[in-house]
Amino acid sequence: MMAYYIFFCVVGLAAGMFLDVWIECLIAETSIKEGLKKRRRLPNPLVMFLTAIIFMLLLKRYSISIEYFAAIFLMALLIAVFYVDSKRRIIPNELVLAGLLGSVLLLASNLFGCKYIFGEGWQEHLLGLLPGSGFLMLVALMGKVLYKTDNAMGMGDIKIYAPIGLILGWKLCMVSVFIAMAAAAFTSIGLLVAGKKKRKDSVPFGPFIAVGTLVALLWGHDMIKGYMIWGL
């Protein structure tokens, strides 16, 4: 098993190098080809090591399985979301489209008997669109109608939850949304109390989506089981 950890640690570092280039290009709004030509700085070690650590944590949780490859694909995407949304306050369509392509391929794998445990069938994965994109769309509409603002929820946040929901299924997607919104609320309150933000200021939601999804992948099933036991 140690050999697997070493191998996927190296894979994670390599993936982190690629992600760093992609993140830089998305922040600078240039193509990867142009970004590689203009690139002069060394790779960001934080992105590389964060990717490697997440790859190993997910390996411990899922071992070598289709779930593992689905999880590292999703988290690699969300690491990019984390950094780009933090810098630009936007989740580019390129990330959404990459996520949708991966999620469709995973759903199609069910047709060939490659079922993965995030959901109990393709129906649960399709329902994953509701607690993520569906709920956040409702939040955005309520903000527009009740508070006359378009800042209640960004469209990028709504769109990126489509591939997340399709990959995770509705149960784990609910965990992701709950953790993301709770973390965003506590952070906003903390920044407000510390005087770092004003009441009308917003914080990028993409980083919290990444954190919420990682928590859902690592401990979501345990959280659901615990809720059901205590709820009963």
C-alpha atoms as a PDB file:
ATOM      1  CA  MET A   1       0.000   0.000   0.000  1.00  0.00           C
ATOM      2  CA  MET A   2       2.912   2.356   0.735  1.00  0.00           C
ATOM      3  CA  ALA A   3       3.947   2.083  -2.916  1.00  0.00           C
ATOM      4  CA  TYR A   4       0.498   3.356  -3.928  1.00  0.00           C
ATOM      5  CA  TYR A   5       0.849   6.367  -1.610  1.00  0.00           C
ATOM      6  CA  ILE A   6       4.270   7.215  -3.027  1.00  0.00           C
ATOM      7  CA  PHE A   7       3.029   6.815  -6.589  1.00  0.00           C
ATOM      8  CA  PHE A   8      -0.081   8.976  -6.118  1.00  0.00           C
ATOM      9  CA  CYS A   9       1.924  11.529  -4.131  1.00  0.00           C
ATOM     10  CA  VAL A  10       4.127  11.954  -7.210  1.00  0.00           C
ATOM     11  CA  VAL A  11       1.024  12.001  -9.439  1.00  0.00           C
ATOM     12  CA  GLY A  12      -0.482  14.653  -7.150  1.00  0.00           C
ATOM     13  CA  LEU A  13       2.642  16.812  -7.364  1.00  0.00           C
ATOM     14  CA  ALA A  14       2.625  16.537 -11.167  1.00  0.00           C
ATOM     15  CA  ALA A  15      -1.099  17.312 -11.293  1.00  0.00           C
ATOM     16  CA  GLY A  16      -0.448  20.283  -9.007  1.00  0.00           C
ATOM     17  CA  MET A  17       2.161  21.625 -11.450  1.00  0.00           C
ATOM     18  CA  PHE A  18      -0.360  21.425 -14.295  1.00  0.00           C
ATOM     19  CA  LEU A  19      -3.094  22.963 -12.120  1.00  0.00           C
ATOM     20  CA  ASP A  20      -0.780  25.832 -11.204  1.00  0.00           C
ATOM     21  CA  VAL A  21      -0.278  26.643 -14.894  1.00  0.00           C
ATOM     22  CA  TRP A  22      -4.014  26.397 -15.588  1.00  0.00           C
ATOM     23  CA  ILE A  23      -4.866  28.534 -12.551  1.00  0.00           C
ATOM     24  CA  GLU A  24      -2.382  31.204 -13.611  1.00  0.00           C
ATOM     25  CA  CYS A  25      -3.829  31.238 -17.134  1.00  0.00           C
ATOM     26  CA  LEU A  26      -7.409  31.478 -15.871  1.00  0.00           C
ATOM     27  CA  ILE A  27      -6.504  34.327 -13.529  1.00  0.00           C
ATOM     28  CA  ALA A  28      -4.656  36.143 -16.327  1.00  0.00           C
ATOM     29  CA  GLU A  29      -7.432  35.240 -18.807  1.00  0.00           C
ATOM     30  CA  THR A  30      -5.000  33.694 -21.290  1.00  0.00           C
ATOM     31  CA  SER A  31      -4.853  30.295 -22.966  1.00  0.00           C
ATOM     32  CA  ILE A  32      -2.597  27.559 -21.573  1.00  0.00           C
ATOM     33  CA  LYS A  33      -0.428  27.818 -24.704  1.00  0.00           C
ATOM     34  CA  GLU A  34       0.054  31.557 -24.210  1.00  0.00           C
ATOM     35  CA  GLY A  35       0.568  31.058 -20.482  1.00  0.00           C
ATOM     36  CA  LEU A  36       3.341  28.528 -21.034  1.00  0.00           C
ATOM     37  CA  LYS A  37       5.119  30.915 -23.417  1.00  0.00           C
ATOM     38  CA  LYS A  38       4.953  33.822 -20.961  1.00  0.00           C
ATOM     39  CA  ARG A  39       5.572  31.774 -17.815  1.00  0.00           C
ATOM     40  CA  ARG A  40       8.719  32.773 -15.952  1.00  0.00           C
ATOM     41  CA  ARG A  41       8.101  31.937 -12.306  1.00  0.00           C
ATOM     42  CA  LEU A  42       8.553  28.572 -10.620  1.00  0.00           C
ATOM     43  CA  PRO A  43       5.479  26.418  -9.880  1.00  0.00           C
ATOM     44  CA  ASN A  44       3.573  27.366  -6.728  1.00  0.00           C
ATOM     45  CA  PRO A  45       4.637  24.749  -4.143  1.00  0.00           C
ATOM     46  CA  LEU A  46       1.432  25.313  -2.140  1.00  0.00           C
ATOM     47  CA  VAL A  47      -0.737  24.194  -5.077  1.00  0.00           C
ATOM     48  CA  MET A  48       1.519  21.202  -5.707  1.00  0.00           C
ATOM     49  CA  PHE A  49       1.637  19.989  -2.096  1.00  0.00           C
ATOM     50  CA  LEU A  50      -2.064  20.696  -1.495  1.00  0.00           C
ATOM     51  CA  THR A  51      -2.949  18.586  -4.531  1.00  0.00           C
ATOM     52  CA  ALA A  52      -0.632  15.768  -3.431  1.00  0.00           C
ATOM     53  CA  ILE A  53      -2.015  15.767   0.134  1.00  0.00           C
ATOM     54  CA  ILE A  54      -5.613  15.676  -1.093  1.00  0.00           C
ATOM     55  CA  PHE A  55      -4.795  12.844  -3.504  1.00  0.00           C
ATOM     56  CA  MET A  56      -3.347  10.805  -0.613  1.00  0.00           C
ATOM     57  CA  LEU A  57      -6.218  11.578   1.769  1.00  0.00           C
ATOM     58  CA  LEU A  58      -8.699  10.415  -0.855  1.00  0.00           C
ATOM     59  CA  LEU A  59      -6.586   7.316  -1.529  1.00  0.00           C
ATOM     60  CA  LYS A  60      -6.852   6.415   2.160  1.00  0.00           C
ATOM     61  CA  ARG A  61     -10.613   6.903   1.997  1.00  0.00           C
ATOM     62  CA  TYR A  62     -11.410   5.107  -1.284  1.00  0.00           C
ATOM     63  CA  SER A  63      -8.342   2.959  -2.114  1.00  0.00           C
ATOM     64  CA  ILE A  64      -7.833   2.277  -5.844  1.00  0.00           C
ATOM     65  CA  SER A  65     -11.349   2.430  -7.280  1.00  0.00           C
ATOM     66  CA  ILE A  66     -13.516   4.326  -9.711  1.00  0.00           C
ATOM     67  CA  GLU A  67     -14.665   6.404  -6.745  1.00  0.00           C
ATOM     68  CA  TYR A  68     -11.074   7.432  -6.093  1.00  0.00           C
ATOM     69  CA  PHE A  69     -10.469   8.629  -9.643  1.00  0.00           C
ATOM     70  CA  ALA A  70     -13.799  10.465  -9.646  1.00  0.00           C
ATOM     71  CA  ALA A  71     -12.859  12.124  -6.343  1.00  0.00           C
ATOM     72  CA  ILE A  72      -9.386  13.272  -7.410  1.00  0.00           C
ATOM     73  CA  PHE A  73     -10.776  14.583 -10.695  1.00  0.00           C
ATOM     74  CA  LEU A  74     -13.405  16.600  -8.835  1.00  0.00           C
ATOM     75  CA  MET A  75     -10.989  17.938  -6.216  1.00  0.00           C
ATOM     76  CA  ALA A  76      -8.359  18.877  -8.798  1.00  0.00           C
ATOM     77  CA  LEU A  77     -11.061  20.933 -10.499  1.00  0.00           C
ATOM     78  CA  LEU A  78     -12.089  22.528  -7.201  1.00  0.00           C
ATOM     79  CA  ILE A  79      -8.518  23.424  -6.259  1.00  0.00           C
ATOM     80  CA  ALA A  80      -8.533  25.546  -9.420  1.00  0.00           C
ATOM     81  CA  VAL A  81     -11.934  26.967  -8.407  1.00  0.00           C
ATOM     82  CA  PHE A  82     -10.514  27.816  -4.963  1.00  0.00           C
ATOM     83  CA  TYR A  83      -7.642  29.885  -6.323  1.00  0.00           C
ATOM     84  CA  VAL A  84      -9.326  31.489  -9.325  1.00  0.00           C
ATOM     85  CA  ASP A  85     -12.438  32.570  -7.436  1.00  0.00           C
ATOM     86  CA  SER A  86     -10.270  33.928  -4.606  1.00  0.00           C
ATOM     87  CA  LYS A  87      -8.363  36.116  -7.064  1.00  0.00           C
ATOM     88  CA  ARG A  88     -10.956  37.017  -9.715  1.00  0.00           C
ATOM     89  CA  ARG A  89     -14.265  36.594  -7.853  1.00  0.00           C
ATOM     90  CA  ILE A  90     -15.468  34.443 -10.733  1.00  0.00           C
ATOM     91  CA  ILE A  91     -15.638  30.746 -11.611  1.00  0.00           C
ATOM     92  CA  PRO A  92     -14.754  30.546 -15.326  1.00  0.00           C
ATOM     93  CA  ASN A  93     -16.900  28.508 -17.687  1.00  0.00           C
ATOM     94  CA  GLU A  94     -13.839  26.435 -18.644  1.00  0.00           C
ATOM     95  CA  LEU A  95     -13.864  24.859 -15.179  1.00  0.00           C
ATOM     96  CA  VAL A  96     -17.608  24.243 -15.323  1.00  0.00           C
ATOM     97  CA  LEU A  97     -17.380  22.631 -18.771  1.00  0.00           C
ATOM     98  CA  ALA A  98     -14.460  20.419 -17.705  1.00  0.00           C
ATOM     99  CA  GLY A  99     -16.487  19.298 -14.693  1.00  0.00           C
ATOM    100  CA  LEU A 100     -19.583  18.601 -16.771  1.00  0.00           C
ATOM    101  CA  LEU A 101     -17.586  16.540 -19.267  1.00  0.00           C
ATOM    102  CA  GLY A 102     -16.098  14.434 -16.472  1.00  0.00           C
ATOM    103  CA  SER A 103     -19.439  13.994 -14.728  1.00  0.00           C
ATOM    104  CA  VAL A 104     -21.169  12.895 -17.942  1.00  0.00           C
ATOM    105  CA  LEU A 105     -18.426  10.324 -18.590  1.00  0.00           C
ATOM    106  CA  LEU A 106     -18.828   8.987 -15.048  1.00  0.00           C
ATOM    107  CA  LEU A 107     -22.592   8.743 -15.427  1.00  0.00           C
ATOM    108  CA  ALA A 108     -22.115   6.971 -18.765  1.00  0.00           C
ATOM    109  CA  SER A 109     -19.870   4.418 -17.020  1.00  0.00           C
ATOM    110  CA  ASN A 110     -22.964   3.219 -15.149  1.00  0.00           C
ATOM    111  CA  LEU A 111     -24.276   1.919 -18.459  1.00  0.00           C
ATOM    112  CA  PHE A 112     -21.298  -0.449 -18.596  1.00  0.00           C
ATOM    113  CA  GLY A 113     -21.728  -1.734 -15.053  1.00  0.00           C
ATOM    114  CA  CYS A 114     -19.082   0.563 -13.469  1.00  0.00           C
ATOM    115  CA  LYS A 115     -21.249   1.806 -10.606  1.00  0.00           C
ATOM    116  CA  TYR A 116     -19.611   3.920  -7.920  1.00  0.00           C
ATOM    117  CA  ILE A 117     -20.757   4.342  -4.316  1.00  0.00           C
ATOM    118  CA  PHE A 118     -21.386   8.096  -4.195  1.00  0.00           C
ATOM    119  CA  GLY A 119     -24.961   7.300  -5.183  1.00  0.00           C
ATOM    120  CA  GLU A 120     -27.099   4.195  -5.582  1.00  0.00           C
ATOM    121  CA  GLY A 121     -27.678   4.541  -9.297  1.00  0.00           C
ATOM    122  CA  TRP A 122     -27.796   7.173 -12.009  1.00  0.00           C
ATOM    123  CA  GLN A 123     -31.079   8.532 -10.629  1.00  0.00           C
ATOM    124  CA  GLU A 124     -29.390   9.659  -7.403  1.00  0.00           C
ATOM    125  CA  HIS A 125     -26.683  11.378  -9.381  1.00  0.00           C
ATOM    126  CA  LEU A 126     -29.172  13.264 -11.535  1.00  0.00           C
ATOM    127  CA  LEU A 127     -30.999  14.315  -8.369  1.00  0.00           C
ATOM    128  CA  GLY A 128     -27.664  15.756  -7.247  1.00  0.00           C
ATOM    129  CA  LEU A 129     -28.489  18.779  -9.406  1.00  0.00           C
ATOM    130  CA  LEU A 130     -31.175  19.840  -6.915  1.00  0.00           C
ATOM    131  CA  PRO A 131     -29.405  20.429  -3.557  1.00  0.00           C
ATOM    132  CA  GLY A 132     -26.499  22.190  -5.245  1.00  0.00           C
ATOM    133  CA  SER A 133     -27.411  24.128  -8.375  1.00  0.00           C
ATOM    134  CA  GLY A 134     -31.147  24.044  -7.677  1.00  0.00           C
ATOM    135  CA  PHE A 135     -30.885  25.342  -4.100  1.00  0.00           C
ATOM    136  CA  LEU A 136     -28.331  28.034  -4.938  1.00  0.00           C
ATOM    137  CA  MET A 137     -30.470  29.194  -7.865  1.00  0.00           C
ATOM    138  CA  LEU A 138     -33.351  29.574  -5.399  1.00  0.00           C
ATOM    139  CA  VAL A 139     -31.097  31.603  -3.091  1.00  0.00           C
ATOM    140  CA  ALA A 140     -30.127  33.850  -6.014  1.00  0.00           C
ATOM    141  CA  LEU A 141     -33.778  34.368  -7.022  1.00  0.00           C
ATOM    142  CA  MET A 142     -34.808  35.129  -3.434  1.00  0.00           C
ATOM    143  CA  GLY A 143     -31.991  37.666  -3.150  1.00  0.00           C
ATOM    144  CA  LYS A 144     -33.117  39.329  -6.369  1.00  0.00           C
ATOM    145  CA  VAL A 145     -36.799  39.449  -5.399  1.00  0.00           C
ATOM    146  CA  LEU A 146     -36.580  40.167  -1.663  1.00  0.00           C
ATOM    147  CA  TYR A 147     -33.396  42.205  -1.388  1.00  0.00           C
ATOM    148  CA  LYS A 148     -33.158  43.642  -4.925  1.00  0.00           C
ATOM    149  CA  THR A 149     -29.588  42.396  -5.312  1.00  0.00           C
ATOM    150  CA  ASP A 150     -27.734  40.187  -7.768  1.00  0.00           C
ATOM    151  CA  ASN A 151     -24.985  39.454  -5.233  1.00  0.00           C
ATOM    152  CA  ALA A 152     -26.842  36.860  -3.158  1.00  0.00           C
ATOM    153  CA  MET A 153     -25.266  34.055  -5.203  1.00  0.00           C
ATOM    154  CA  GLY A 154     -23.034  34.143  -8.261  1.00  0.00           C
ATOM    155  CA  MET A 155     -23.919  32.210 -11.389  1.00  0.00           C
ATOM    156  CA  GLY A 156     -20.492  30.576 -11.343  1.00  0.00           C
ATOM    157  CA  ASP A 157     -21.270  29.053  -7.939  1.00  0.00           C
ATOM    158  CA  ILE A 158     -24.592  27.773  -9.248  1.00  0.00           C
ATOM    159  CA  LYS A 159     -23.043  26.293 -12.387  1.00  0.00           C
ATOM    160  CA  ILE A 160     -20.079  24.578 -10.713  1.00  0.00           C
ATOM    161  CA  TYR A 161     -22.452  22.705  -8.409  1.00  0.00           C
ATOM    162  CA  ALA A 162     -23.926  20.957 -11.463  1.00  0.00           C
ATOM    163  CA  PRO A 163     -20.918  18.657 -12.016  1.00  0.00           C
ATOM    164  CA  ILE A 164     -20.417  18.357  -8.246  1.00  0.00           C
ATOM    165  CA  GLY A 165     -23.994  17.148  -7.809  1.00  0.00           C
ATOM    166  CA  LEU A 166     -23.818  14.805 -10.798  1.00  0.00           C
ATOM    167  CA  ILE A 167     -20.658  13.182  -9.447  1.00  0.00           C
ATOM    168  CA  LEU A 168     -21.566  13.037  -5.753  1.00  0.00           C
ATOM    169  CA  GLY A 169     -25.280  12.293  -5.937  1.00  0.00           C
ATOM    170  CA  TRP A 170     -27.860  14.208  -3.933  1.00  0.00           C
ATOM    171  CA  LYS A 171     -26.916  12.999  -0.433  1.00  0.00           C
ATOM    172  CA  LEU A 172     -23.241  13.917  -0.517  1.00  0.00           C
ATOM    173  CA  CYS A 173     -24.076  17.073  -2.448  1.00  0.00           C
ATOM    174  CA  MET A 174     -26.323  18.130   0.439  1.00  0.00           C
ATOM    175  CA  VAL A 175     -23.412  17.636   2.828  1.00  0.00           C
ATOM    176  CA  SER A 176     -21.174  19.720   0.557  1.00  0.00           C
ATOM    177  CA  VAL A 177     -23.691  22.572   0.382  1.00  0.00           C
ATOM    178  CA  PHE A 178     -24.306  22.531   4.152  1.00  0.00           C
ATOM    179  CA  ILE A 179     -20.590  22.611   5.014  1.00  0.00           C
ATOM    180  CA  ALA A 180     -19.853  25.253   2.376  1.00  0.00           C
ATOM    181  CA  MET A 181     -22.631  27.578   3.545  1.00  0.00           C
ATOM    182  CA  ALA A 182     -21.826  27.070   7.241  1.00  0.00           C
ATOM    183  CA  ALA A 183     -18.124  27.772   6.638  1.00  0.00           C
ATOM    184  CA  ALA A 184     -18.965  30.855   4.543  1.00  0.00           C
ATOM    185  CA  ALA A 185     -21.341  32.154   7.227  1.00  0.00           C
ATOM    186  CA  PHE A 186     -18.839  31.712  10.087  1.00  0.00           C
ATOM    187  CA  THR A 187     -16.043  33.278   8.020  1.00  0.00           C
ATOM    188  CA  SER A 188     -18.214  36.254   7.053  1.00  0.00           C
ATOM    189  CA  ILE A 189     -19.232  36.811  10.681  1.00  0.00           C
ATOM    190  CA  GLY A 190     -15.603  36.566  11.793  1.00  0.00           C
ATOM    191  CA  LEU A 191     -14.457  39.080   9.163  1.00  0.00           C
ATOM    192  CA  LEU A 192     -17.322  41.398  10.108  1.00  0.00           C
ATOM    193  CA  VAL A 193     -16.477  41.256  13.820  1.00  0.00           C
ATOM    194  CA  ALA A 194     -12.781  41.770  13.069  1.00  0.00           C
ATOM    195  CA  GLY A 195     -13.616  44.817  10.962  1.00  0.00           C
ATOM    196  CA  LYS A 196     -12.126  43.289   7.811  1.00  0.00           C
ATOM    197  CA  LYS A 197     -15.435  43.413   5.936  1.00  0.00           C
ATOM    198  CA  LYS A 198     -18.538  45.582   5.947  1.00  0.00           C
ATOM    199  CA  ARG A 199     -22.090  44.251   6.032  1.00  0.00           C
ATOM    200  CA  LYS A 200     -22.632  44.749   2.308  1.00  0.00           C
ATOM    201  CA  ASP A 201     -19.279  43.223   1.341  1.00  0.00           C
ATOM    202  CA  SER A 202     -19.275  39.713  -0.101  1.00  0.00           C
ATOM    203  CA  VAL A 203     -16.734  36.920   0.073  1.00  0.00           C
ATOM    204  CA  PRO A 204     -15.992  34.516  -2.810  1.00  0.00           C
ATOM    205  CA  PHE A 205     -17.976  31.310  -2.316  1.00  0.00           C
ATOM    206  CA  GLY A 206     -15.786  29.087  -4.523  1.00  0.00           C
ATOM    207  CA  PRO A 207     -13.215  28.307  -1.777  1.00  0.00           C
ATOM    208  CA  PHE A 208     -15.997  27.196   0.548  1.00  0.00           C
ATOM    209  CA  ILE A 209     -17.452  24.967  -2.178  1.00  0.00           C
ATOM    210  CA  ALA A 210     -14.042  23.281  -2.464  1.00  0.00           C
ATOM    211  CA  VAL A 211     -13.797  22.776   1.309  1.00  0.00           C
ATOM    212  CA  GLY A 212     -17.389  21.549   1.601  1.00  0.00           C
ATOM    213  CA  THR A 213     -16.914  19.043  -1.214  1.00  0.00           C
ATOM    214  CA  LEU A 214     -13.676  17.698   0.283  1.00  0.00           C
ATOM    215  CA  VAL A 215     -15.411  17.201   3.643  1.00  0.00           C
ATOM    216  CA  ALA A 216     -18.295  15.455   1.873  1.00  0.00           C
ATOM    217  CA  LEU A 217     -15.913  13.127   0.032  1.00  0.00           C
ATOM    218  CA  LEU A 218     -13.911  12.234   3.143  1.00  0.00           C
ATOM    219  CA  TRP A 219     -16.592  12.058   5.826  1.00  0.00           C
ATOM    220  CA  GLY A 220     -19.944  12.648   4.118  1.00  0.00           C
ATOM    221  CA  HIS A 221     -21.241   9.085   4.391  1.00  0.00           C
ATOM    222  CA  ASP A 222     -20.280   8.941   8.080  1.00  0.00           C
ATOM    223  CA  MET A 223     -22.010  12.270   8.703  1.00  0.00           C
ATOM    224  CA  ILE A 224     -25.179  11.033   6.974  1.00  0.00           C
ATOM    225  CA  LYS A 225     -25.173   7.781   8.985  1.00  0.00           C
ATOM    226  CA  GLY A 226     -24.574   9.695  12.208  1.00  0.00           C
ATOM    227  CA  TYR A 227     -27.428  12.099  11.442  1.00  0.00           C
ATOM    228  CA  MET A 228     -29.786   9.219  10.686  1.00  0.00           C
ATOM    229  CA  ILE A 229     -28.855   7.406  13.930  1.00  0.00           C
ATOM    230  CA  TRP A 230     -29.209  10.499  16.113  1.00  0.00           C
ATOM    231  CA  GLY A 231     -32.270  11.647  14.200  1.00  0.00           C
ATOM    232  CA  LEU A 232     -33.998   8.362  14.961  1.00  0.00           C
END
